[in-house]
PDB file of N, CA and C in Angstrom:
ATOM      1  N   MET A   1     -22.537  10.368  25.332  1.00  0.00           N
ATOM      2  CA  MET A   1     -23.227   9.142  24.981  1.00  0.00           C
ATOM      3  C   MET A   1     -23.331   8.262  26.220  1.00  0.00           C
ATOM      4  N   THR A   2     -24.445   7.620  26.358  1.00  0.00           N
ATOM      5  CA  THR A   2     -24.653   6.694  27.470  1.00  0.00           C
ATOM      6  C   THR A   2     -24.172   5.302  27.071  1.00  0.00           C
ATOM      7  N   LEU A   3     -24.016   4.448  28.081  1.00  0.00           N
ATOM      8  CA  LEU A   3     -23.647   3.066  27.790  1.00  0.00           C
ATOM      9  C   LEU A   3     -24.743   2.400  26.960  1.00  0.00           C
ATOM     10  N   LYS A   4     -25.991   2.728  27.249  1.00  0.00           N
ATOM     11  CA  LYS A   4     -27.106   2.175  26.478  1.00  0.00           C
ATOM     12  C   LYS A   4     -26.985   2.584  25.005  1.00  0.00           C
ATOM     13  N   GLY A   5     -26.676   3.842  24.761  1.00  0.00           N
ATOM     14  CA  GLY A   5     -26.505   4.321  23.389  1.00  0.00           C
ATOM     15  C   GLY A   5     -25.332   3.655  22.699  1.00  0.00           C
ATOM     16  N   LEU A   6     -24.253   3.439  23.443  1.00  0.00           N
ATOM     17  CA  LEU A   6     -23.089   2.759  22.881  1.00  0.00           C
ATOM     18  C   LEU A   6     -23.422   1.318  22.521  1.00  0.00           C
ATOM     19  N   LYS A   7     -24.161   0.638  23.388  1.00  0.00           N
ATOM     20  CA  LYS A   7     -24.558  -0.738  23.115  1.00  0.00           C
ATOM     21  C   LYS A   7     -25.444  -0.803  21.865  1.00  0.00           C
ATOM     22  N   GLN A   8     -26.332   0.176  21.684  1.00  0.00           N
ATOM     23  CA  GLN A   8     -27.181   0.217  20.494  1.00  0.00           C
ATOM     24  C   GLN A   8     -26.338   0.427  19.237  1.00  0.00           C
ATOM     25  N   PHE A   9     -25.356   1.321  19.339  1.00  0.00           N
ATOM     26  CA  PHE A   9     -24.470   1.549  18.200  1.00  0.00           C
ATOM     27  C   PHE A   9     -23.705   0.275  17.850  1.00  0.00           C
ATOM     28  N   VAL A  10     -23.199  -0.420  18.858  1.00  0.00           N
ATOM     29  CA  VAL A  10     -22.427  -1.644  18.627  1.00  0.00           C
ATOM     30  C   VAL A  10     -23.285  -2.692  17.921  1.00  0.00           C
ATOM     31  N   LYS A  11     -24.536  -2.822  18.305  1.00  0.00           N
ATOM     32  CA  LYS A  11     -25.431  -3.771  17.629  1.00  0.00           C
ATOM     33  C   LYS A  11     -25.609  -3.389  16.153  1.00  0.00           C
ATOM     34  N   LYS A  12     -25.771  -2.089  15.905  1.00  0.00           N
ATOM     35  CA  LYS A  12     -25.927  -1.612  14.527  1.00  0.00           C
ATOM     36  C   LYS A  12     -24.641  -1.855  13.729  1.00  0.00           C
ATOM     37  N   GLU A  13     -23.496  -1.557  14.326  1.00  0.00           N
ATOM     38  CA  GLU A  13     -22.217  -1.766  13.644  1.00  0.00           C
ATOM     39  C   GLU A  13     -21.973  -3.253  13.395  1.00  0.00           C
ATOM     40  N   ASP A  14     -22.374  -4.089  14.337  1.00  0.00           N
ATOM     41  CA  ASP A  14     -22.257  -5.538  14.175  1.00  0.00           C
ATOM     42  C   ASP A  14     -23.016  -5.983  12.929  1.00  0.00           C
ATOM     43  N   ARG A  15     -24.234  -5.502  12.756  1.00  0.00           N
ATOM     44  CA  ARG A  15     -25.023  -5.858  11.573  1.00  0.00           C
ATOM     45  C   ARG A  15     -24.343  -5.366  10.288  1.00  0.00           C
ATOM     46  N   ARG A  16     -23.825  -4.136  10.317  1.00  0.00           N
ATOM     47  CA  ARG A  16     -23.157  -3.590   9.128  1.00  0.00           C
ATOM     48  C   ARG A  16     -21.924  -4.406   8.761  1.00  0.00           C
ATOM     49  N   LEU A  17     -21.116  -4.729   9.763  1.00  0.00           N
ATOM     50  CA  LEU A  17     -19.894  -5.491   9.497  1.00  0.00           C
ATOM     51  C   LEU A  17     -20.213  -6.880   8.945  1.00  0.00           C
ATOM     52  N   LYS A  18     -21.233  -7.520   9.501  1.00  0.00           N
ATOM     53  CA  LYS A  18     -21.613  -8.843   8.997  1.00  0.00           C
ATOM     54  C   LYS A  18     -22.126  -8.770   7.562  1.00  0.00           C
ATOM     55  N   ARG A  19     -22.808  -7.696   7.236  1.00  0.00           N
ATOM     56  CA  ARG A  19     -23.305  -7.518   5.870  1.00  0.00           C
ATOM     57  C   ARG A  19     -22.142  -7.231   4.908  1.00  0.00           C
ATOM     58  N   ASN A  20     -21.159  -6.457   5.347  1.00  0.00           N
ATOM     59  CA  ASN A  20     -20.050  -6.059   4.484  1.00  0.00           C
ATOM     60  C   ASN A  20     -18.916  -7.077   4.407  1.00  0.00           C
ATOM     61  N   PHE A  21     -18.899  -8.019   5.332  1.00  0.00           N
ATOM     62  CA  PHE A  21     -17.858  -9.055   5.336  1.00  0.00           C
ATOM     63  C   PHE A  21     -18.498 -10.432   5.428  1.00  0.00           C
ATOM     64  N   PRO A  22     -19.230 -10.828   4.375  1.00  0.00           N
ATOM     65  CA  PRO A  22     -19.935 -12.121   4.417  1.00  0.00           C
ATOM     66  C   PRO A  22     -18.993 -13.319   4.520  1.00  0.00           C
ATOM     67  N   ASN A  23     -17.728 -13.125   4.155  1.00  0.00           N
ATOM     68  CA  ASN A  23     -16.771 -14.229   4.265  1.00  0.00           C
ATOM     69  C   ASN A  23     -16.446 -14.547   5.725  1.00  0.00           C
ATOM     70  N   LEU A  24     -16.897 -13.693   6.647  1.00  0.00           N
ATOM     71  CA  LEU A  24     -16.691 -13.929   8.077  1.00  0.00           C
ATOM     72  C   LEU A  24     -17.995 -14.331   8.765  1.00  0.00           C
ATOM     73  N   ALA A  25     -18.908 -14.922   7.997  1.00  0.00           N
ATOM     74  CA  ALA A  25     -20.209 -15.304   8.552  1.00  0.00           C
ATOM     75  C   ALA A  25     -20.070 -16.364   9.636  1.00  0.00           C
ATOM     76  N   ASN A  26     -19.058 -17.193   9.542  1.00  0.00           N
ATOM     77  CA  ASN A  26     -18.782 -18.193  10.564  1.00  0.00           C
ATOM     78  C   ASN A  26     -18.415 -17.464  11.857  1.00  0.00           C
ATOM     79  N   ARG A  27     -19.089 -17.823  12.941  1.00  0.00           N
ATOM     80  CA  ARG A  27     -18.908 -17.131  14.226  1.00  0.00           C
ATOM     81  C   ARG A  27     -17.463 -17.168  14.705  1.00  0.00           C
ATOM     82  N   GLU A  28     -16.828 -18.320  14.589  1.00  0.00           N
ATOM     83  CA  GLU A  28     -15.437 -18.437  15.041  1.00  0.00           C
ATOM     84  C   GLU A  28     -14.521 -17.515  14.238  1.00  0.00           C
ATOM     85  N   LYS A  29     -14.739 -17.439  12.926  1.00  0.00           N
ATOM     86  CA  LYS A  29     -13.941 -16.544  12.094  1.00  0.00           C
ATOM     87  C   LYS A  29     -14.170 -15.090  12.498  1.00  0.00           C
ATOM     88  N   MET A  30     -15.429 -14.760  12.791  1.00  0.00           N
ATOM     89  CA  MET A  30     -15.756 -13.389  13.172  1.00  0.00           C
ATOM     90  C   MET A  30     -15.068 -13.010  14.480  1.00  0.00           C
ATOM     91  N   VAL A  31     -15.115 -13.898  15.451  1.00  0.00           N
ATOM     92  CA  VAL A  31     -14.471 -13.618  16.744  1.00  0.00           C
ATOM     93  C   VAL A  31     -12.963 -13.467  16.550  1.00  0.00           C
ATOM     94  N   LEU A  32     -12.374 -14.370  15.780  1.00  0.00           N
ATOM     95  CA  LEU A  32     -10.942 -14.296  15.530  1.00  0.00           C
ATOM     96  C   LEU A  32     -10.583 -12.994  14.806  1.00  0.00           C
ATOM     97  N   ALA A  33     -11.338 -12.651  13.775  1.00  0.00           N
ATOM     98  CA  ALA A  33     -11.060 -11.428  13.013  1.00  0.00           C
ATOM     99  C   ALA A  33     -11.187 -10.195  13.898  1.00  0.00           C
ATOM    100  N   ARG A  34     -12.197 -10.166  14.738  1.00  0.00           N
ATOM    101  CA  ARG A  34     -12.377  -9.003  15.614  1.00  0.00           C
ATOM    102  C   ARG A  34     -11.299  -8.943  16.692  1.00  0.00           C
ATOM    103  N   THR A  35     -10.823 -10.086  17.125  1.00  0.00           N
ATOM    104  CA  THR A  35      -9.746 -10.103  18.114  1.00  0.00           C
ATOM    105  C   THR A  35      -8.454  -9.592  17.488  1.00  0.00           C
ATOM    106  N   VAL A  36      -8.192  -9.996  16.260  1.00  0.00           N
ATOM    107  CA  VAL A  36      -7.022  -9.479  15.545  1.00  0.00           C
ATOM    108  C   VAL A  36      -7.177  -7.976  15.341  1.00  0.00           C
ATOM    109  N   LYS A  37      -8.377  -7.548  14.983  1.00  0.00           N
ATOM    110  CA  LYS A  37      -8.658  -6.117  14.803  1.00  0.00           C
ATOM    111  C   LYS A  37      -8.415  -5.356  16.104  1.00  0.00           C
ATOM    112  N   LEU A  38      -8.800  -5.953  17.228  1.00  0.00           N
ATOM    113  CA  LEU A  38      -8.564  -5.312  18.531  1.00  0.00           C
ATOM    114  C   LEU A  38      -7.061  -5.121  18.759  1.00  0.00           C
ATOM    115  N   SER A  39      -6.270  -6.111  18.407  1.00  0.00           N
ATOM    116  CA  SER A  39      -4.817  -5.990  18.541  1.00  0.00           C
ATOM    117  C   SER A  39      -4.296  -4.827  17.690  1.00  0.00           C
ATOM    118  N   GLU A  40      -4.832  -4.708  16.484  1.00  0.00           N
ATOM    119  CA  GLU A  40      -4.443  -3.597  15.616  1.00  0.00           C
ATOM    120  C   GLU A  40      -4.807  -2.257  16.256  1.00  0.00           C
ATOM    121  N   GLU A  41      -6.010  -2.164  16.797  1.00  0.00           N
ATOM    122  CA  GLU A  41      -6.468  -0.914  17.404  1.00  0.00           C
ATOM    123  C   GLU A  41      -5.643  -0.555  18.646  1.00  0.00           C
ATOM    124  N   VAL A  42      -5.289  -1.562  19.449  1.00  0.00           N
ATOM    125  CA  VAL A  42      -4.452  -1.307  20.627  1.00  0.00           C
ATOM    126  C   VAL A  42      -3.074  -0.801  20.175  1.00  0.00           C
ATOM    127  N   GLY A  43      -2.553  -1.366  19.103  1.00  0.00           N
ATOM    128  CA  GLY A  43      -1.287  -0.898  18.554  1.00  0.00           C
ATOM    129  C   GLY A  43      -1.362   0.554  18.101  1.00  0.00           C
ATOM    130  N   GLU A  44      -2.459   0.905  17.459  1.00  0.00           N
ATOM    131  CA  GLU A  44      -2.639   2.294  17.027  1.00  0.00           C
ATOM    132  C   GLU A  44      -2.768   3.230  18.223  1.00  0.00           C
ATOM    133  N   LEU A  45      -3.449   2.774  19.268  1.00  0.00           N
ATOM    134  CA  LEU A  45      -3.544   3.570  20.491  1.00  0.00           C
ATOM    135  C   LEU A  45      -2.159   3.757  21.111  1.00  0.00           C
ATOM    136  N   ALA A  46      -1.379   2.690  21.160  1.00  0.00           N
ATOM    137  CA  ALA A  46      -0.023   2.770  21.710  1.00  0.00           C
ATOM    138  C   ALA A  46       0.816   3.780  20.919  1.00  0.00           C
ATOM    139  N   ALA A  47       0.701   3.743  19.605  1.00  0.00           N
ATOM    140  CA  ALA A  47       1.443   4.695  18.775  1.00  0.00           C
ATOM    141  C   ALA A  47       1.025   6.134  19.067  1.00  0.00           C
ATOM    142  N   GLU A  48      -0.272   6.342  19.268  1.00  0.00           N
ATOM    143  CA  GLU A  48      -0.760   7.688  19.593  1.00  0.00           C
ATOM    144  C   GLU A  48      -0.279   8.150  20.962  1.00  0.00           C
ATOM    145  N   VAL A  49      -0.230   7.242  21.929  1.00  0.00           N
ATOM    146  CA  VAL A  49       0.280   7.598  23.259  1.00  0.00           C
ATOM    147  C   VAL A  49       1.754   7.993  23.145  1.00  0.00           C
ATOM    148  N   LEU A  50       2.530   7.223  22.390  1.00  0.00           N
ATOM    149  CA  LEU A  50       3.936   7.565  22.191  1.00  0.00           C
ATOM    150  C   LEU A  50       4.078   8.933  21.515  1.00  0.00           C
ATOM    151  N   ALA A  51       3.276   9.180  20.504  1.00  0.00           N
ATOM    152  CA  ALA A  51       3.335  10.466  19.803  1.00  0.00           C
ATOM    153  C   ALA A  51       2.913  11.610  20.722  1.00  0.00           C
ATOM    154  N   TYR A  52       1.910  11.367  21.537  1.00  0.00           N
ATOM    155  CA  TYR A  52       1.423  12.391  22.480  1.00  0.00           C
ATOM    156  C   TYR A  52       2.556  12.879  23.390  1.00  0.00           C
ATOM    157  N   HIS A  53       3.416  11.962  23.785  1.00  0.00           N
ATOM    158  CA  HIS A  53       4.535  12.293  24.668  1.00  0.00           C
ATOM    159  C   HIS A  53       5.821  12.599  23.892  1.00  0.00           C
ATOM    160  N   ASN A  54       5.732  12.646  22.563  1.00  0.00           N
ATOM    161  CA  ASN A  54       6.897  12.855  21.702  1.00  0.00           C
ATOM    162  C   ASN A  54       7.966  11.793  21.920  1.00  0.00           C
ATOM    163  N   TRP A  55       7.539  10.568  22.128  1.00  0.00           N
ATOM    164  CA  TRP A  55       8.453   9.453  22.318  1.00  0.00           C
ATOM    165  C   TRP A  55       8.598   8.605  21.051  1.00  0.00           C
ATOM    166  N   GLN A  56       7.979   9.046  19.981  1.00  0.00           N
ATOM    167  CA  GLN A  56       8.155   8.371  18.691  1.00  0.00           C
ATOM    168  C   GLN A  56       9.419   8.924  18.039  1.00  0.00           C
ATOM    169  N   ARG A  57      10.007   8.135  17.178  1.00  0.00           N
ATOM    170  CA  ARG A  57      11.168   8.659  16.460  1.00  0.00           C
ATOM    171  C   ARG A  57      10.691   9.780  15.528  1.00  0.00           C
ATOM    172  N   PRO A  58      11.557  10.748  15.274  1.00  0.00           N
ATOM    173  CA  PRO A  58      11.150  11.935  14.499  1.00  0.00           C
ATOM    174  C   PRO A  58      10.502  11.621  13.152  1.00  0.00           C
ATOM    175  N   SER A  59      10.969  10.582  12.447  1.00  0.00           N
ATOM    176  CA  SER A  59      10.397  10.278  11.133  1.00  0.00           C
ATOM    177  C   SER A  59       8.921   9.881  11.233  1.00  0.00           C
ATOM    178  N   LYS A  60       8.547   9.231  12.334  1.00  0.00           N
ATOM    179  CA  LYS A  60       7.129   8.879  12.513  1.00  0.00           C
ATOM    180  C   LYS A  60       6.307  10.109  12.882  1.00  0.00           C
ATOM    181  N   LEU A  61       6.894  10.994  13.659  1.00  0.00           N
ATOM    182  CA  LEU A  61       6.169  12.206  14.054  1.00  0.00           C
ATOM    183  C   LEU A  61       5.943  13.131  12.863  1.00  0.00           C
ATOM    184  N   ILE A  62       6.887  13.163  11.932  1.00  0.00           N
ATOM    185  CA  ILE A  62       6.746  14.013  10.742  1.00  0.00           C
ATOM    186  C   ILE A  62       5.572  13.549   9.894  1.00  0.00           C
ATOM    187  N   ASN A  63       5.421  12.237   9.725  1.00  0.00           N
ATOM    188  CA  ASN A  63       4.346  11.676   8.893  1.00  0.00           C
ATOM    189  C   ASN A  63       3.005  11.640   9.607  1.00  0.00           C
ATOM    190  N   ARG A  64       3.000  11.946  10.894  1.00  0.00           N
ATOM    191  CA  ARG A  64       1.761  11.898  11.672  1.00  0.00           C
ATOM    192  C   ARG A  64       0.842  13.017  11.221  1.00  0.00           C
ATOM    193  N   GLN A  65      -0.401  12.673  11.075  1.00  0.00           N
ATOM    194  CA  GLN A  65      -1.366  13.690  10.682  1.00  0.00           C
ATOM    195  C   GLN A  65      -1.877  14.357  11.958  1.00  0.00           C
ATOM    196  N   GLU A  66      -3.128  14.644  12.053  1.00  0.00           N
ATOM    197  CA  GLU A  66      -3.650  15.300  13.255  1.00  0.00           C
ATOM    198  C   GLU A  66      -3.696  14.316  14.420  1.00  0.00           C
ATOM    199  N   PRO A  67      -3.585  14.826  15.639  1.00  0.00           N
ATOM    200  CA  PRO A  67      -3.663  13.935  16.809  1.00  0.00           C
ATOM    201  C   PRO A  67      -4.970  13.139  16.800  1.00  0.00           C
ATOM    202  N   ASN A  68      -4.866  11.880  17.172  1.00  0.00           N
ATOM    203  CA  ASN A  68      -5.997  10.968  17.066  1.00  0.00           C
ATOM    204  C   ASN A  68      -6.225  10.176  18.353  1.00  0.00           C
ATOM    205  N   LEU A  69      -5.669  10.633  19.461  1.00  0.00           N
ATOM    206  CA  LEU A  69      -5.692   9.875  20.702  1.00  0.00           C
ATOM    207  C   LEU A  69      -7.108   9.482  21.112  1.00  0.00           C
ATOM    208  N   ALA A  70      -8.023  10.426  21.126  1.00  0.00           N
ATOM    209  CA  ALA A  70      -9.402  10.138  21.544  1.00  0.00           C
ATOM    210  C   ALA A  70     -10.056   9.112  20.627  1.00  0.00           C
ATOM    211  N   HIS A  71      -9.822   9.230  19.331  1.00  0.00           N
ATOM    212  CA  HIS A  71     -10.419   8.274  18.384  1.00  0.00           C
ATOM    213  C   HIS A  71      -9.861   6.875  18.573  1.00  0.00           C
ATOM    214  N   GLU A  72      -8.589   6.785  18.900  1.00  0.00           N
ATOM    215  CA  GLU A  72      -7.993   5.455  19.110  1.00  0.00           C
ATOM    216  C   GLU A  72      -8.555   4.797  20.367  1.00  0.00           C
ATOM    217  N   PHE A  73      -8.779   5.567  21.429  1.00  0.00           N
ATOM    218  CA  PHE A  73      -9.453   5.018  22.614  1.00  0.00           C
ATOM    219  C   PHE A  73     -10.835   4.509  22.231  1.00  0.00           C
ATOM    220  N   ALA A  74     -11.567   5.296  21.451  1.00  0.00           N
ATOM    221  CA  ALA A  74     -12.913   4.904  21.030  1.00  0.00           C
ATOM    222  C   ALA A  74     -12.871   3.633  20.189  1.00  0.00           C
ATOM    223  N   ASP A  75     -11.900   3.524  19.282  1.00  0.00           N
ATOM    224  CA  ASP A  75     -11.779   2.314  18.458  1.00  0.00           C
ATOM    225  C   ASP A  75     -11.571   1.074  19.316  1.00  0.00           C
ATOM    226  N   VAL A  76     -10.729   1.186  20.347  1.00  0.00           N
ATOM    227  CA  VAL A  76     -10.467   0.040  21.234  1.00  0.00           C
ATOM    228  C   VAL A  76     -11.746  -0.358  21.969  1.00  0.00           C
ATOM    229  N   ILE A  77     -12.476   0.629  22.473  1.00  0.00           N
ATOM    230  CA  ILE A  77     -13.714   0.343  23.214  1.00  0.00           C
ATOM    231  C   ILE A  77     -14.755  -0.300  22.292  1.00  0.00           C
ATOM    232  N   ILE A  78     -14.955   0.277  21.117  1.00  0.00           N
ATOM    233  CA  ILE A  78     -15.963  -0.246  20.186  1.00  0.00           C
ATOM    234  C   ILE A  78     -15.603  -1.660  19.732  1.00  0.00           C
ATOM    235  N   THR A  79     -14.351  -1.879  19.390  1.00  0.00           N
ATOM    236  CA  THR A  79     -13.937  -3.205  18.927  1.00  0.00           C
ATOM    237  C   THR A  79     -14.084  -4.237  20.041  1.00  0.00           C
ATOM    238  N   THR A  80     -13.732  -3.859  21.259  1.00  0.00           N
ATOM    239  CA  THR A  80     -13.915  -4.754  22.410  1.00  0.00           C
ATOM    240  C   THR A  80     -15.385  -5.104  22.588  1.00  0.00           C
ATOM    241  N   MET A  81     -16.230  -4.113  22.452  1.00  0.00           N
ATOM    242  CA  MET A  81     -17.662  -4.358  22.615  1.00  0.00           C
ATOM    243  C   MET A  81     -18.224  -5.212  21.480  1.00  0.00           C
ATOM    244  N   LEU A  82     -17.672  -5.090  20.287  1.00  0.00           N
ATOM    245  CA  LEU A  82     -18.104  -5.948  19.177  1.00  0.00           C
ATOM    246  C   LEU A  82     -17.766  -7.411  19.458  1.00  0.00           C
ATOM    247  N   ILE A  83     -16.602  -7.653  20.040  1.00  0.00           N
ATOM    248  CA  ILE A  83     -16.240  -9.026  20.404  1.00  0.00           C
ATOM    249  C   ILE A  83     -17.182  -9.535  21.485  1.00  0.00           C
ATOM    250  N   ALA A  84     -17.438  -8.712  22.494  1.00  0.00           N
ATOM    251  CA  ALA A  84     -18.353  -9.105  23.570  1.00  0.00           C
ATOM    252  C   ALA A  84     -19.734  -9.422  23.012  1.00  0.00           C
ATOM    253  N   GLU A  85     -20.198  -8.611  22.082  1.00  0.00           N
ATOM    254  CA  GLU A  85     -21.514  -8.828  21.453  1.00  0.00           C
ATOM    255  C   GLU A  85     -21.541 -10.190  20.755  1.00  0.00           C
ATOM    256  N   GLU A  86     -20.493 -10.494  20.020  1.00  0.00           N
ATOM    257  CA  GLU A  86     -20.438 -11.758  19.284  1.00  0.00           C
ATOM    258  C   GLU A  86     -20.422 -12.958  20.223  1.00  0.00           C
ATOM    259  N   LEU A  87     -19.802 -12.792  21.392  1.00  0.00           N
ATOM    260  CA  LEU A  87     -19.687 -13.896  22.347  1.00  0.00           C
ATOM    261  C   LEU A  87     -20.806 -13.907  23.393  1.00  0.00           C
ATOM    262  N   GLY A  88     -21.753 -12.977  23.265  1.00  0.00           N
ATOM    263  CA  GLY A  88     -22.889 -12.947  24.178  1.00  0.00           C
ATOM    264  C   GLY A  88     -22.557 -12.440  25.577  1.00  0.00           C
ATOM    265  N   VAL A  89     -21.512 -11.644  25.684  1.00  0.00           N
ATOM    266  CA  VAL A  89     -21.133 -11.081  26.987  1.00  0.00           C
ATOM    267  C   VAL A  89     -21.860  -9.756  27.173  1.00  0.00           C
ATOM    268  N   ASP A  90     -22.586  -9.633  28.272  1.00  0.00           N
ATOM    269  CA  ASP A  90     -23.240  -8.366  28.607  1.00  0.00           C
ATOM    270  C   ASP A  90     -22.178  -7.482  29.251  1.00  0.00           C
ATOM    271  N   ILE A  91     -21.655  -6.549  28.482  1.00  0.00           N
ATOM    272  CA  ILE A  91     -20.538  -5.733  28.933  1.00  0.00           C
ATOM    273  C   ILE A  91     -20.911  -4.879  30.139  1.00  0.00           C
ATOM    274  N   GLU A  92     -22.159  -4.450  30.206  1.00  0.00           N
ATOM    275  CA  GLU A  92     -22.581  -3.641  31.350  1.00  0.00           C
ATOM    276  C   GLU A  92     -22.501  -4.455  32.643  1.00  0.00           C
ATOM    277  N   LEU A  93     -23.024  -5.672  32.613  1.00  0.00           N
ATOM    278  CA  LEU A  93     -22.940  -6.533  33.799  1.00  0.00           C
ATOM    279  C   LEU A  93     -21.493  -6.896  34.119  1.00  0.00           C
ATOM    280  N   ALA A  94     -20.706  -7.123  33.090  1.00  0.00           N
ATOM    281  CA  ALA A  94     -19.290  -7.441  33.304  1.00  0.00           C
ATOM    282  C   ALA A  94     -18.569  -6.283  33.982  1.00  0.00           C
ATOM    283  N   LEU A  95     -18.867  -5.064  33.562  1.00  0.00           N
ATOM    284  CA  LEU A  95     -18.245  -3.894  34.177  1.00  0.00           C
ATOM    285  C   LEU A  95     -18.680  -3.730  35.629  1.00  0.00           C
ATOM    286  N   ILE A  96     -19.959  -3.908  35.881  1.00  0.00           N
ATOM    287  CA  ILE A  96     -20.460  -3.789  37.257  1.00  0.00           C
ATOM    288  C   ILE A  96     -19.767  -4.796  38.158  1.00  0.00           C
ATOM    289  N   ASP A  97     -19.690  -6.036  37.701  1.00  0.00           N
ATOM    290  CA  ASP A  97     -19.053  -7.100  38.486  1.00  0.00           C
ATOM    291  C   ASP A  97     -17.572  -6.801  38.709  1.00  0.00           C
ATOM    292  N   LYS A  98     -16.890  -6.374  37.671  1.00  0.00           N
ATOM    293  CA  LYS A  98     -15.458  -6.104  37.784  1.00  0.00           C
ATOM    294  C   LYS A  98     -15.189  -4.933  38.723  1.00  0.00           C
ATOM    295  N   ILE A  99     -15.996  -3.895  38.637  1.00  0.00           N
ATOM    296  CA  ILE A  99     -15.824  -2.733  39.511  1.00  0.00           C
ATOM    297  C   ILE A  99     -16.015  -3.131  40.969  1.00  0.00           C
ATOM    298  N   LYS A 100     -16.992  -3.986  41.232  1.00  0.00           N
ATOM    299  CA  LYS A 100     -17.190  -4.478  42.598  1.00  0.00           C
ATOM    300  C   LYS A 100     -15.955  -5.218  43.085  1.00  0.00           C
ATOM    301  N   LYS A 101     -15.379  -6.068  42.241  1.00  0.00           N
ATOM    302  CA  LYS A 101     -14.180  -6.825  42.621  1.00  0.00           C
ATOM    303  C   LYS A 101     -13.005  -5.895  42.890  1.00  0.00           C
ATOM    304  N   ILE A 102     -12.845  -4.891  42.067  1.00  0.00           N
ATOM    305  CA  ILE A 102     -11.752  -3.940  42.268  1.00  0.00           C
ATOM    306  C   ILE A 102     -11.962  -3.165  43.557  1.00  0.00           C
ATOM    307  N   ASP A 103     -13.188  -2.688  43.775  1.00  0.00           N
ATOM    308  CA  ASP A 103     -13.480  -1.948  45.008  1.00  0.00           C
ATOM    309  C   ASP A 103     -13.231  -2.801  46.240  1.00  0.00           C
ATOM    310  N   LYS A 104     -13.553  -4.082  46.148  1.00  0.00           N
ATOM    311  CA  LYS A 104     -13.365  -4.977  47.285  1.00  0.00           C
ATOM    312  C   LYS A 104     -11.894  -5.083  47.683  1.00  0.00           C
ATOM    313  N   ARG A 105     -11.007  -5.032  46.697  1.00  0.00           N
ATOM    314  CA  ARG A 105      -9.568  -5.079  46.972  1.00  0.00           C
ATOM    315  C   ARG A 105      -9.131  -3.940  47.888  1.00  0.00           C
ATOM    316  N   TYR A 106      -9.818  -2.836  47.784  1.00  0.00           N
ATOM    317  CA  TYR A 106      -9.416  -1.634  48.509  1.00  0.00           C
ATOM    318  C   TYR A 106     -10.392  -1.266  49.620  1.00  0.00           C
ATOM    319  N   GLN A 107     -11.204  -2.200  50.051  1.00  0.00           N
ATOM    320  CA  GLN A 107     -12.250  -1.887  51.020  1.00  0.00           C
ATOM    321  C   GLN A 107     -11.688  -1.391  52.356  1.00  0.00           C
ATOM    322  N   ASP A 108     -10.478  -1.779  52.712  1.00  0.00           N
ATOM    323  CA  ASP A 108      -9.894  -1.327  53.969  1.00  0.00           C
ATOM    324  C   ASP A 108      -9.341   0.093  53.868  1.00  0.00           C
ATOM    325  N   GLU A 109      -9.139   0.572  52.658  1.00  0.00           N
ATOM    326  CA  GLU A 109      -8.633   1.938  52.452  1.00  0.00           C
ATOM    327  C   GLU A 109      -9.803   2.913  52.432  1.00  0.00           C
ATOM    328  N   LYS A 110      -9.606   4.054  52.997  1.00  0.00           N
ATOM    329  CA  LYS A 110     -10.658   5.067  52.959  1.00  0.00           C
ATOM    330  C   LYS A 110     -10.103   6.410  52.672  1.00  0.00           C
TER     331      LYS A 110
END
């Protein structure tokens, strides 16, 4: 999938979520809810990373279903992009700018 395709999906998902959660029609509530959701998704990703390395306690590993590491990464990315969409942040431009800043830190290294 391209970044363009991901951005199109995020716009479609944004419309679906707004239709399915009309109680979050207020923009501030939507941003807050999505930020809380992002925290949940990061927690799930952390749990998957721990399970991947067998660093979870055995009782959690027993109840674990199939590995979900890739899906948890995707959930974090999609949820982050939904927040950016709601706040009018062009994630592509933000990434380009951030990558330039990171590269600049290491410009003396080759």
